[in-house]
Amino acid sequence: MGSRYVLLNFVKWTLVEGENNLIYYLFLFVGAIICYSIIKPFIHMALALQAGKLLNYTLSSLIIVILIMLSTSFFDLPAVSVTGLLRVGLQCLAGFGALLLCYHIFQFWKKKI
């Protein structure tokens, strides 16, 4: 029932205030194009270097952030807890990335010795 309410509010919002928000859609679309253009060379470089672990971490982190955002929209949480949840989620992802980095550095040095 909550997701239907969110969807109905979104449809109502776009229909009622569609003219005023057209500029926001334009900015977001242009921003997506710019982000895609910036990220594309890094992805090609990572693929050329066979950095599958980095790509796995990046995509799994993106999925986690998307799930956090979706969960906050489905549950009726106040804005303070949404930002707190996102902050904790991003800190956990950074810690997990640091742990993976340490692990792979250790594995690299172990193979060298």
PDB file of N, CA and C in Angstrom:
ATOM      1  N   MET A   1       0.822  -1.185   0.000  1.00  0.00           N
ATOM      2  CA  MET A   1       0.000   0.000   0.000  1.00  0.00           C
ATOM      3  C   MET A   1       0.872   1.256   0.000  1.00  0.00           C
ATOM      4  N   GLY A   2       2.009   1.242   0.709  1.00  0.00           N
ATOM      5  CA  GLY A   2       2.889   2.394   0.767  1.00  0.00           C
ATOM      6  C   GLY A   2       3.535   2.692  -0.571  1.00  0.00           C
ATOM      7  N   SER A   3       3.921   1.650  -1.308  1.00  0.00           N
ATOM      8  CA  SER A   3       4.562   1.879  -2.603  1.00  0.00           C
ATOM      9  C   SER A   3       3.564   2.457  -3.596  1.00  0.00           C
ATOM     10  N   ARG A   4       2.303   2.054  -3.516  1.00  0.00           N
ATOM     11  CA  ARG A   4       1.288   2.615  -4.404  1.00  0.00           C
ATOM     12  C   ARG A   4       1.110   4.097  -4.091  1.00  0.00           C
ATOM     13  N   TYR A   5       1.139   4.447  -2.800  1.00  0.00           N
ATOM     14  CA  TYR A   5       0.994   5.835  -2.384  1.00  0.00           C
ATOM     15  C   TYR A   5       2.146   6.680  -2.929  1.00  0.00           C
ATOM     16  N   VAL A   6       3.374   6.154  -2.849  1.00  0.00           N
ATOM     17  CA  VAL A   6       4.540   6.866  -3.373  1.00  0.00           C
ATOM     18  C   VAL A   6       4.409   7.051  -4.873  1.00  0.00           C
ATOM     19  N   LEU A   7       3.976   5.995  -5.581  1.00  0.00           N
ATOM     20  CA  LEU A   7       3.810   6.083  -7.027  1.00  0.00           C
ATOM     21  C   LEU A   7       2.726   7.086  -7.402  1.00  0.00           C
ATOM     22  N   LEU A   8       1.610   7.072  -6.677  1.00  0.00           N
ATOM     23  CA  LEU A   8       0.541   8.028  -6.963  1.00  0.00           C
ATOM     24  C   LEU A   8       0.982   9.454  -6.680  1.00  0.00           C
ATOM     25  N   ASN A   9       1.734   9.659  -5.610  1.00  0.00           N
ATOM     26  CA  ASN A   9       2.251  11.001  -5.324  1.00  0.00           C
ATOM     27  C   ASN A   9       3.202  11.461  -6.414  1.00  0.00           C
ATOM     28  N   PHE A  10       4.037  10.546  -6.921  1.00  0.00           N
ATOM     29  CA  PHE A  10       4.972  10.902  -7.989  1.00  0.00           C
ATOM     30  C   PHE A  10       4.221  11.285  -9.254  1.00  0.00           C
ATOM     31  N   VAL A  11       3.201  10.504  -9.612  1.00  0.00           N
ATOM     32  CA  VAL A  11       2.418  10.809 -10.810  1.00  0.00           C
ATOM     33  C   VAL A  11       1.713  12.146 -10.639  1.00  0.00           C
ATOM     34  N   LYS A  12       1.134  12.373  -9.462  1.00  0.00           N
ATOM     35  CA  LYS A  12       0.440  13.637  -9.188  1.00  0.00           C
ATOM     36  C   LYS A  12       1.429  14.796  -9.247  1.00  0.00           C
ATOM     37  N   TRP A  13       2.624  14.594  -8.688  1.00  0.00           N
ATOM     38  CA  TRP A  13       3.643  15.629  -8.658  1.00  0.00           C
ATOM     39  C   TRP A  13       4.089  15.993 -10.072  1.00  0.00           C
ATOM     40  N   THR A  14       4.280  15.000 -10.910  1.00  0.00           N
ATOM     41  CA  THR A  14       4.735  15.292 -12.266  1.00  0.00           C
ATOM     42  C   THR A  14       3.639  15.914 -13.108  1.00  0.00           C
ATOM     43  N   LEU A  15       2.382  15.557 -12.855  1.00  0.00           N
ATOM     44  CA  LEU A  15       1.300  16.143 -13.638  1.00  0.00           C
ATOM     45  C   LEU A  15       0.978  17.563 -13.201  1.00  0.00           C
ATOM     46  N   VAL A  16       0.979  17.801 -11.905  1.00  0.00           N
ATOM     47  CA  VAL A  16       0.598  19.119 -11.401  1.00  0.00           C
ATOM     48  C   VAL A  16       1.725  20.123 -11.595  1.00  0.00           C
ATOM     49  N   GLU A  17       2.932  19.733 -11.278  1.00  0.00           N
ATOM     50  CA  GLU A  17       4.057  20.655 -11.339  1.00  0.00           C
ATOM     51  C   GLU A  17       5.009  20.305 -12.471  1.00  0.00           C
ATOM     52  N   GLY A  18       4.499  19.701 -13.530  1.00  0.00           N
ATOM     53  CA  GLY A  18       5.347  19.232 -14.611  1.00  0.00           C
ATOM     54  C   GLY A  18       6.106  20.328 -15.324  1.00  0.00           C
ATOM     55  N   GLU A  19       5.482  21.491 -15.517  1.00  0.00           N
ATOM     56  CA  GLU A  19       6.152  22.567 -16.233  1.00  0.00           C
ATOM     57  C   GLU A  19       7.317  23.124 -15.430  1.00  0.00           C
ATOM     58  N   ASN A  20       7.135  23.265 -14.122  1.00  0.00           N
ATOM     59  CA  ASN A  20       8.194  23.813 -13.290  1.00  0.00           C
ATOM     60  C   ASN A  20       9.347  22.835 -13.111  1.00  0.00           C
ATOM     61  N   ASN A  21       9.066  21.560 -13.145  1.00  0.00           N
ATOM     62  CA  ASN A  21      10.096  20.557 -12.899  1.00  0.00           C
ATOM     63  C   ASN A  21      10.776  20.070 -14.163  1.00  0.00           C
ATOM     64  N   LEU A  22      10.380  20.568 -15.310  1.00  0.00           N
ATOM     65  CA  LEU A  22      11.012  20.159 -16.562  1.00  0.00           C
ATOM     66  C   LEU A  22      12.500  20.483 -16.548  1.00  0.00           C
ATOM     67  N   ILE A  23      12.859  21.585 -15.942  1.00  0.00           N
ATOM     68  CA  ILE A  23      14.266  21.972 -15.864  1.00  0.00           C
ATOM     69  C   ILE A  23      15.053  20.978 -15.014  1.00  0.00           C
ATOM     70  N   TYR A  24      14.421  20.424 -13.950  1.00  0.00           N
ATOM     71  CA  TYR A  24      15.093  19.426 -13.122  1.00  0.00           C
ATOM     72  C   TYR A  24      15.347  18.149 -13.919  1.00  0.00           C
ATOM     73  N   TYR A  25      14.371  17.731 -14.714  1.00  0.00           N
ATOM     74  CA  TYR A  25      14.564  16.556 -15.555  1.00  0.00           C
ATOM     75  C   TYR A  25      15.689  16.787 -16.556  1.00  0.00           C
ATOM     76  N   LEU A  26      15.736  17.985 -17.108  1.00  0.00           N
ATOM     77  CA  LEU A  26      16.783  18.312 -18.069  1.00  0.00           C
ATOM     78  C   LEU A  26      18.158  18.263 -17.408  1.00  0.00           C
ATOM     79  N   PHE A  27      18.274  18.870 -16.212  1.00  0.00           N
ATOM     80  CA  PHE A  27      19.549  18.849 -15.497  1.00  0.00           C
ATOM     81  C   PHE A  27      19.967  17.428 -15.127  1.00  0.00           C
ATOM     82  N   LEU A  28      19.029  16.619 -14.662  1.00  0.00           N
ATOM     83  CA  LEU A  28      19.359  15.237 -14.300  1.00  0.00           C
ATOM     84  C   LEU A  28      19.766  14.425 -15.519  1.00  0.00           C
ATOM     85  N   PHE A  29      19.099  14.645 -16.639  1.00  0.00           N
ATOM     86  CA  PHE A  29      19.439  13.923 -17.862  1.00  0.00           C
ATOM     87  C   PHE A  29      20.831  14.330 -18.345  1.00  0.00           C
ATOM     88  N   VAL A  30      21.114  15.621 -18.346  1.00  0.00           N
ATOM     89  CA  VAL A  30      22.438  16.103 -18.747  1.00  0.00           C
ATOM     90  C   VAL A  30      23.492  15.612 -17.751  1.00  0.00           C
ATOM     91  N   GLY A  31      23.163  15.605 -16.459  1.00  0.00           N
ATOM     92  CA  GLY A  31      24.088  15.089 -15.456  1.00  0.00           C
ATOM     93  C   GLY A  31      24.398  13.615 -15.658  1.00  0.00           C
ATOM     94  N   ALA A  32      23.380  12.835 -16.036  1.00  0.00           N
ATOM     95  CA  ALA A  32      23.609  11.411 -16.309  1.00  0.00           C
ATOM     96  C   ALA A  32      24.532  11.239 -17.505  1.00  0.00           C
ATOM     97  N   ILE A  33      24.352  12.049 -18.534  1.00  0.00           N
ATOM     98  CA  ILE A  33      25.226  11.981 -19.716  1.00  0.00           C
ATOM     99  C   ILE A  33      26.659  12.342 -19.346  1.00  0.00           C
ATOM    100  N   ILE A  34      26.826  13.374 -18.529  1.00  0.00           N
ATOM    101  CA  ILE A  34      28.175  13.793 -18.114  1.00  0.00           C
ATOM    102  C   ILE A  34      28.828  12.714 -17.257  1.00  0.00           C
ATOM    103  N   CYS A  35      28.076  12.150 -16.295  1.00  0.00           N
ATOM    104  CA  CYS A  35      28.632  11.079 -15.453  1.00  0.00           C
ATOM    105  C   CYS A  35      29.029   9.870 -16.290  1.00  0.00           C
ATOM    106  N   TYR A  36      28.184   9.517 -17.242  1.00  0.00           N
ATOM    107  CA  TYR A  36      28.483   8.391 -18.124  1.00  0.00           C
ATOM    108  C   TYR A  36      29.767   8.664 -18.903  1.00  0.00           C
ATOM    109  N   SER A  37      29.916   9.879 -19.404  1.00  0.00           N
ATOM    110  CA  SER A  37      31.106  10.234 -20.178  1.00  0.00           C
ATOM    111  C   SER A  37      32.362  10.230 -19.319  1.00  0.00           C
ATOM    112  N   ILE A  38      32.221  10.619 -18.061  1.00  0.00           N
ATOM    113  CA  ILE A  38      33.381  10.635 -17.163  1.00  0.00           C
ATOM    114  C   ILE A  38      33.760   9.225 -16.738  1.00  0.00           C
ATOM    115  N   ILE A  39      32.780   8.379 -16.446  1.00  0.00           N
ATOM    116  CA  ILE A  39      33.045   7.044 -15.922  1.00  0.00           C
ATOM    117  C   ILE A  39      33.485   6.063 -17.010  1.00  0.00           C
ATOM    118  N   LYS A  40      33.031   6.256 -18.228  1.00  0.00           N
ATOM    119  CA  LYS A  40      33.299   5.311 -19.313  1.00  0.00           C
ATOM    120  C   LYS A  40      34.790   5.019 -19.503  1.00  0.00           C
ATOM    121  N   PRO A  41      35.688   6.004 -19.540  1.00  0.00           N
ATOM    122  CA  PRO A  41      37.120   5.665 -19.702  1.00  0.00           C
ATOM    123  C   PRO A  41      37.678   4.845 -18.545  1.00  0.00           C
ATOM    124  N   PHE A  42      37.193   5.117 -17.326  1.00  0.00           N
ATOM    125  CA  PHE A  42      37.681   4.353 -16.178  1.00  0.00           C
ATOM    126  C   PHE A  42      37.232   2.892 -16.257  1.00  0.00           C
ATOM    127  N   ILE A  43      36.026   2.657 -16.739  1.00  0.00           N
ATOM    128  CA  ILE A  43      35.535   1.293 -16.892  1.00  0.00           C
ATOM    129  C   ILE A  43      36.350   0.565 -17.960  1.00  0.00           C
ATOM    130  N   HIS A  44      36.623   1.243 -19.074  1.00  0.00           N
ATOM    131  CA  HIS A  44      37.438   0.622 -20.124  1.00  0.00           C
ATOM    132  C   HIS A  44      38.850   0.314 -19.608  1.00  0.00           C
ATOM    133  N   MET A  45      39.414   1.227 -18.812  1.00  0.00           N
ATOM    134  CA  MET A  45      40.740   0.987 -18.245  1.00  0.00           C
ATOM    135  C   MET A  45      40.708  -0.188 -17.276  1.00  0.00           C
ATOM    136  N   ALA A  46      39.674  -0.254 -16.442  1.00  0.00           N
ATOM    137  CA  ALA A  46      39.565  -1.366 -15.489  1.00  0.00           C
ATOM    138  C   ALA A  46      39.402  -2.691 -16.223  1.00  0.00           C
ATOM    139  N   LEU A  47      38.642  -2.693 -17.302  1.00  0.00           N
ATOM    140  CA  LEU A  47      38.492  -3.921 -18.086  1.00  0.00           C
ATOM    141  C   LEU A  47      39.797  -4.304 -18.767  1.00  0.00           C
ATOM    142  N   ALA A  48      40.537  -3.315 -19.256  1.00  0.00           N
ATOM    143  CA  ALA A  48      41.820  -3.598 -19.899  1.00  0.00           C
ATOM    144  C   ALA A  48      42.829  -4.148 -18.898  1.00  0.00           C
ATOM    145  N   LEU A  49      42.765  -3.668 -17.666  1.00  0.00           N
ATOM    146  CA  LEU A  49      43.673  -4.145 -16.621  1.00  0.00           C
ATOM    147  C   LEU A  49      43.154  -5.409 -15.942  1.00  0.00           C
ATOM    148  N   GLN A  50      42.023  -5.888 -16.378  1.00  0.00           N
ATOM    149  CA  GLN A  50      41.372  -7.062 -15.807  1.00  0.00           C
ATOM    150  C   GLN A  50      41.134  -6.881 -14.305  1.00  0.00           C
ATOM    151  N   ALA A  51      40.577  -5.739 -13.956  1.00  0.00           N
ATOM    152  CA  ALA A  51      40.297  -5.408 -12.568  1.00  0.00           C
ATOM    153  C   ALA A  51      38.853  -5.784 -12.238  1.00  0.00           C
ATOM    154  N   GLY A  52      38.552  -7.044 -12.359  1.00  0.00           N
ATOM    155  CA  GLY A  52      37.205  -7.527 -12.091  1.00  0.00           C
ATOM    156  C   GLY A  52      36.785  -7.331 -10.647  1.00  0.00           C
ATOM    157  N   LYS A  53      37.726  -7.447  -9.722  1.00  0.00           N
ATOM    158  CA  LYS A  53      37.396  -7.281  -8.301  1.00  0.00           C
ATOM    159  C   LYS A  53      36.945  -5.855  -8.011  1.00  0.00           C
ATOM    160  N   LEU A  54      37.616  -4.885  -8.644  1.00  0.00           N
ATOM    161  CA  LEU A  54      37.224  -3.494  -8.462  1.00  0.00           C
ATOM    162  C   LEU A  54      35.832  -3.245  -9.025  1.00  0.00           C
ATOM    163  N   LEU A  55      35.557  -3.787 -10.189  1.00  0.00           N
ATOM    164  CA  LEU A  55      34.243  -3.615 -10.793  1.00  0.00           C
ATOM    165  C   LEU A  55      33.162  -4.314  -9.969  1.00  0.00           C
ATOM    166  N   ASN A  56      33.471  -5.495  -9.430  1.00  0.00           N
ATOM    167  CA  ASN A  56      32.515  -6.187  -8.564  1.00  0.00           C
ATOM    168  C   ASN A  56      32.187  -5.348  -7.334  1.00  0.00           C
ATOM    169  N   TYR A  57      33.218  -4.781  -6.706  1.00  0.00           N
ATOM    170  CA  TYR A  57      33.004  -3.954  -5.525  1.00  0.00           C
ATOM    171  C   TYR A  57      32.182  -2.717  -5.873  1.00  0.00           C
ATOM    172  N   THR A  58      32.517  -2.080  -6.990  1.00  0.00           N
ATOM    173  CA  THR A  58      31.809  -0.862  -7.387  1.00  0.00           C
ATOM    174  C   THR A  58      30.338  -1.143  -7.670  1.00  0.00           C
ATOM    175  N   LEU A  59      30.061  -2.186  -8.412  1.00  0.00           N
ATOM    176  CA  LEU A  59      28.668  -2.499  -8.729  1.00  0.00           C
ATOM    177  C   LEU A  59      27.890  -2.964  -7.501  1.00  0.00           C
ATOM    178  N   SER A  60      28.525  -3.754  -6.642  1.00  0.00           N
ATOM    179  CA  SER A  60      27.812  -4.187  -5.436  1.00  0.00           C
ATOM    180  C   SER A  60      27.552  -2.999  -4.515  1.00  0.00           C
ATOM    181  N   SER A  61      28.477  -2.047  -4.444  1.00  0.00           N
ATOM    182  CA  SER A  61      28.253  -0.842  -3.645  1.00  0.00           C
ATOM    183  C   SER A  61      27.115  -0.015  -4.214  1.00  0.00           C
ATOM    184  N   LEU A  62      27.056   0.079  -5.526  1.00  0.00           N
ATOM    185  CA  LEU A  62      25.964   0.813  -6.166  1.00  0.00           C
ATOM    186  C   LEU A  62      24.618   0.162  -5.860  1.00  0.00           C
ATOM    187  N   ILE A  63      24.576  -1.156  -5.914  1.00  0.00           N
ATOM    188  CA  ILE A  63      23.331  -1.872  -5.615  1.00  0.00           C
ATOM    189  C   ILE A  63      22.927  -1.646  -4.159  1.00  0.00           C
ATOM    190  N   ILE A  64      23.892  -1.651  -3.240  1.00  0.00           N
ATOM    191  CA  ILE A  64      23.594  -1.414  -1.821  1.00  0.00           C
ATOM    192  C   ILE A  64      23.032  -0.008  -1.626  1.00  0.00           C
ATOM    193  N   VAL A  65      23.638   0.987  -2.261  1.00  0.00           N
ATOM    194  CA  VAL A  65      23.144   2.361  -2.127  1.00  0.00           C
ATOM    195  C   VAL A  65      21.733   2.479  -2.702  1.00  0.00           C
ATOM    196  N   ILE A  66      21.487   1.841  -3.834  1.00  0.00           N
ATOM    197  CA  ILE A  66      20.146   1.864  -4.428  1.00  0.00           C
ATOM    198  C   ILE A  66      19.145   1.187  -3.496  1.00  0.00           C
ATOM    199  N   LEU A  67      19.524   0.064  -2.904  1.00  0.00           N
ATOM    200  CA  LEU A  67      18.623  -0.619  -1.972  1.00  0.00           C
ATOM    201  C   LEU A  67      18.340   0.234  -0.734  1.00  0.00           C
ATOM    202  N   ILE A  68      19.346   0.952  -0.252  1.00  0.00           N
ATOM    203  CA  ILE A  68      19.126   1.849   0.888  1.00  0.00           C
ATOM    204  C   ILE A  68      18.135   2.932   0.503  1.00  0.00           C
ATOM    205  N   MET A  69      18.316   3.511  -0.668  1.00  0.00           N
ATOM    206  CA  MET A  69      17.401   4.574  -1.107  1.00  0.00           C
ATOM    207  C   MET A  69      15.987   4.038  -1.320  1.00  0.00           C
ATOM    208  N   LEU A  70      15.868   2.857  -1.916  1.00  0.00           N
ATOM    209  CA  LEU A  70      14.542   2.272  -2.119  1.00  0.00           C
ATOM    210  C   LEU A  70      13.875   1.918  -0.800  1.00  0.00           C
ATOM    211  N   SER A  71      14.659   1.377   0.138  1.00  0.00           N
ATOM    212  CA  SER A  71      14.070   1.000   1.423  1.00  0.00           C
ATOM    213  C   SER A  71      13.587   2.222   2.192  1.00  0.00           C
ATOM    214  N   THR A  72      14.294   3.338   2.063  1.00  0.00           N
ATOM    215  CA  THR A  72      13.845   4.543   2.753  1.00  0.00           C
ATOM    216  C   THR A  72      12.592   5.122   2.107  1.00  0.00           C
ATOM    217  N   SER A  73      12.399   4.892   0.820  1.00  0.00           N
ATOM    218  CA  SER A  73      11.185   5.409   0.189  1.00  0.00           C
ATOM    219  C   SER A  73       9.985   4.501   0.468  1.00  0.00           C
ATOM    220  N   PHE A  74      10.211   3.190   0.651  1.00  0.00           N
ATOM    221  CA  PHE A  74       9.103   2.277   0.924  1.00  0.00           C
ATOM    222  C   PHE A  74       8.651   2.342   2.377  1.00  0.00           C
ATOM    223  N   PHE A  75       9.592   2.534   3.296  1.00  0.00           N
ATOM    224  CA  PHE A  75       9.236   2.669   4.697  1.00  0.00           C
ATOM    225  C   PHE A  75       9.058   4.150   4.990  1.00  0.00           C
ATOM    226  N   ASP A  76       8.142   4.448   5.846  1.00  0.00           N
ATOM    227  CA  ASP A  76       7.841   5.844   6.147  1.00  0.00           C
ATOM    228  C   ASP A  76       8.794   6.338   7.223  1.00  0.00           C
ATOM    229  N   LEU A  77      10.038   6.640   6.833  1.00  0.00           N
ATOM    230  CA  LEU A  77      11.051   7.077   7.778  1.00  0.00           C
ATOM    231  C   LEU A  77      11.188   8.589   7.733  1.00  0.00           C
ATOM    232  N   PRO A  78      11.474   9.209   8.876  1.00  0.00           N
ATOM    233  CA  PRO A  78      11.719  10.657   8.851  1.00  0.00           C
ATOM    234  C   PRO A  78      13.027  10.963   8.125  1.00  0.00           C
ATOM    235  N   ALA A  79      13.181  12.190   7.677  1.00  0.00           N
ATOM    236  CA  ALA A  79      14.355  12.576   6.895  1.00  0.00           C
ATOM    237  C   ALA A  79      15.647  12.390   7.678  1.00  0.00           C
ATOM    238  N   VAL A  80      15.602  12.589   8.992  1.00  0.00           N
ATOM    239  CA  VAL A  80      16.812  12.440   9.796  1.00  0.00           C
ATOM    240  C   VAL A  80      17.300  11.001   9.768  1.00  0.00           C
ATOM    241  N   SER A  81      16.385  10.040   9.888  1.00  0.00           N
ATOM    242  CA  SER A  81      16.829   8.645   9.884  1.00  0.00           C
ATOM    243  C   SER A  81      17.248   8.206   8.490  1.00  0.00           C
ATOM    244  N   VAL A  82      16.720   8.827   7.440  1.00  0.00           N
ATOM    245  CA  VAL A  82      17.137   8.499   6.078  1.00  0.00           C
ATOM    246  C   VAL A  82      18.587   8.900   5.874  1.00  0.00           C
ATOM    247  N   THR A  83      18.936  10.115   6.281  1.00  0.00           N
ATOM    248  CA  THR A  83      20.322  10.544   6.119  1.00  0.00           C
ATOM    249  C   THR A  83      21.254   9.746   7.032  1.00  0.00           C
ATOM    250  N   GLY A  84      20.783   9.411   8.215  1.00  0.00           N
ATOM    251  CA  GLY A  84      21.597   8.584   9.107  1.00  0.00           C
ATOM    252  C   GLY A  84      21.823   7.198   8.532  1.00  0.00           C
ATOM    253  N   LEU A  85      20.776   6.612   7.953  1.00  0.00           N
ATOM    254  CA  LEU A  85      20.905   5.290   7.340  1.00  0.00           C
ATOM    255  C   LEU A  85      21.853   5.330   6.150  1.00  0.00           C
ATOM    256  N   LEU A  86      21.749   6.363   5.339  1.00  0.00           N
ATOM    257  CA  LEU A  86      22.646   6.492   4.196  1.00  0.00           C
ATOM    258  C   LEU A  86      24.081   6.707   4.659  1.00  0.00           C
ATOM    259  N   ARG A  87      24.277   7.514   5.697  1.00  0.00           N
ATOM    260  CA  ARG A  87      25.619   7.756   6.219  1.00  0.00           C
ATOM    261  C   ARG A  87      26.247   6.458   6.738  1.00  0.00           C
ATOM    262  N   VAL A  88      25.478   5.689   7.503  1.00  0.00           N
ATOM    263  CA  VAL A  88      25.989   4.422   8.039  1.00  0.00           C
ATOM    264  C   VAL A  88      26.259   3.447   6.897  1.00  0.00           C
ATOM    265  N   GLY A  89      25.368   3.397   5.907  1.00  0.00           N
ATOM    266  CA  GLY A  89      25.573   2.503   4.767  1.00  0.00           C
ATOM    267  C   GLY A  89      26.826   2.844   3.993  1.00  0.00           C
ATOM    268  N   LEU A  90      27.061   4.122   3.753  1.00  0.00           N
ATOM    269  CA  LEU A  90      28.261   4.528   3.021  1.00  0.00           C
ATOM    270  C   LEU A  90      29.532   4.275   3.838  1.00  0.00           C
ATOM    271  N   GLN A  91      29.460   4.474   5.151  1.00  0.00           N
ATOM    272  CA  GLN A  91      30.616   4.188   5.998  1.00  0.00           C
ATOM    273  C   GLN A  91      30.934   2.695   5.997  1.00  0.00           C
ATOM    274  N   CYS A  92      29.902   1.865   6.027  1.00  0.00           N
ATOM    275  CA  CYS A  92      30.121   0.414   5.972  1.00  0.00           C
ATOM    276  C   CYS A  92      30.725   0.004   4.638  1.00  0.00           C
ATOM    277  N   LEU A  93      30.253   0.596   3.554  1.00  0.00           N
ATOM    278  CA  LEU A  93      30.824   0.291   2.243  1.00  0.00           C
ATOM    279  C   LEU A  93      32.285   0.719   2.154  1.00  0.00           C
ATOM    280  N   ALA A  94      32.615   1.878   2.717  1.00  0.00           N
ATOM    281  CA  ALA A  94      34.008   2.329   2.722  1.00  0.00           C
ATOM    282  C   ALA A  94      34.878   1.395   3.557  1.00  0.00           C
ATOM    283  N   GLY A  95      34.374   0.969   4.712  1.00  0.00           N
ATOM    284  CA  GLY A  95      35.123   0.019   5.534  1.00  0.00           C
ATOM    285  C   GLY A  95      35.308  -1.315   4.838  1.00  0.00           C
ATOM    286  N   PHE A  96      34.266  -1.781   4.162  1.00  0.00           N
ATOM    287  CA  PHE A  96      34.366  -3.026   3.416  1.00  0.00           C
ATOM    288  C   PHE A  96      35.384  -2.903   2.276  1.00  0.00           C
ATOM    289  N   GLY A  97      35.386  -1.752   1.608  1.00  0.00           N
ATOM    290  CA  GLY A  97      36.370  -1.521   0.544  1.00  0.00           C
ATOM    291  C   GLY A  97      37.790  -1.505   1.088  1.00  0.00           C
ATOM    292  N   ALA A  98      37.986  -0.876   2.242  1.00  0.00           N
ATOM    293  CA  ALA A  98      39.310  -0.854   2.857  1.00  0.00           C
ATOM    294  C   ALA A  98      39.739  -2.258   3.271  1.00  0.00           C
ATOM    295  N   LEU A  99      38.806  -3.027   3.798  1.00  0.00           N
ATOM    296  CA  LEU A  99      39.106  -4.407   4.175  1.00  0.00           C
ATOM    297  C   LEU A  99      39.489  -5.243   2.948  1.00  0.00           C
ATOM    298  N   LEU A 100      38.748  -5.091   1.858  1.00  0.00           N
ATOM    299  CA  LEU A 100      39.091  -5.804   0.627  1.00  0.00           C
ATOM    300  C   LEU A 100      40.451  -5.384   0.099  1.00  0.00           C
ATOM    301  N   LEU A 101      40.743  -4.098   0.165  1.00  0.00           N
ATOM    302  CA  LEU A 101      42.036  -3.610  -0.301  1.00  0.00           C
ATOM    303  C   LEU A 101      43.171  -4.223   0.516  1.00  0.00           C
ATOM    304  N   CYS A 102      43.023  -4.220   1.839  1.00  0.00           N
ATOM    305  CA  CYS A 102      44.052  -4.826   2.701  1.00  0.00           C
ATOM    306  C   CYS A 102      44.211  -6.313   2.410  1.00  0.00           C
ATOM    307  N   TYR A 103      43.107  -7.007   2.218  1.00  0.00           N
ATOM    308  CA  TYR A 103      43.150  -8.434   1.932  1.00  0.00           C
ATOM    309  C   TYR A 103      43.889  -8.716   0.619  1.00  0.00           C
ATOM    310  N   HIS A 104      43.581  -7.946  -0.412  1.00  0.00           N
ATOM    311  CA  HIS A 104      44.217  -8.202  -1.700  1.00  0.00           C
ATOM    312  C   HIS A 104      45.680  -7.774  -1.716  1.00  0.00           C
ATOM    313  N   ILE A 105      46.033  -6.754  -0.948  1.00  0.00           N
ATOM    314  CA  ILE A 105      47.447  -6.387  -0.806  1.00  0.00           C
ATOM    315  C   ILE A 105      48.194  -7.499  -0.085  1.00  0.00           C
ATOM    316  N   PHE A 106      47.581  -8.045   0.962  1.00  0.00           N
ATOM    317  CA  PHE A 106      48.196  -9.152   1.686  1.00  0.00           C
ATOM    318  C   PHE A 106      48.380 -10.367   0.773  1.00  0.00           C
ATOM    319  N   GLN A 107      47.365 -10.676  -0.020  1.00  0.00           N
ATOM    320  CA  GLN A 107      47.467 -11.802  -0.960  1.00  0.00           C
ATOM    321  C   GLN A 107      48.561 -11.550  -1.995  1.00  0.00           C
ATOM    322  N   PHE A 108      48.690 -10.328  -2.471  1.00  0.00           N
ATOM    323  CA  PHE A 108      49.716  -9.991  -3.446  1.00  0.00           C
ATOM    324  C   PHE A 108      51.110 -10.178  -2.856  1.00  0.00           C
ATOM    325  N   TRP A 109      51.325  -9.688  -1.645  1.00  0.00           N
ATOM    326  CA  TRP A 109      52.621  -9.844  -1.009  1.00  0.00           C
ATOM    327  C   TRP A 109      52.910 -11.288  -0.634  1.00  0.00           C
ATOM    328  N   LYS A 110      51.889 -12.032  -0.310  1.00  0.00           N
ATOM    329  CA  LYS A 110      52.058 -13.443   0.019  1.00  0.00           C
ATOM    330  C   LYS A 110      52.537 -14.217  -1.199  1.00  0.00           C
ATOM    331  N   LYS A 111      52.031 -13.894  -2.378  1.00  0.00           N
ATOM    332  CA  LYS A 111      52.471 -14.553  -3.614  1.00  0.00           C
ATOM    333  C   LYS A 111      53.888 -14.150  -3.988  1.00  0.00           C
ATOM    334  N   LYS A 112      54.295 -12.922  -3.659  1.00  0.00           N
ATOM    335  CA  LYS A 112      55.638 -12.444  -3.974  1.00  0.00           C
ATOM    336  C   LYS A 112      56.706 -13.116  -3.115  1.00  0.00           C
ATOM    337  N   ILE A 113      56.341 -13.486  -1.891  1.00  0.00           N
ATOM    338  CA  ILE A 113      57.338 -14.070  -0.979  1.00  0.00           C
ATOM    339  C   ILE A 113      57.490 -15.535  -1.206  1.00  0.00           C
TER     340      ILE A 113
END
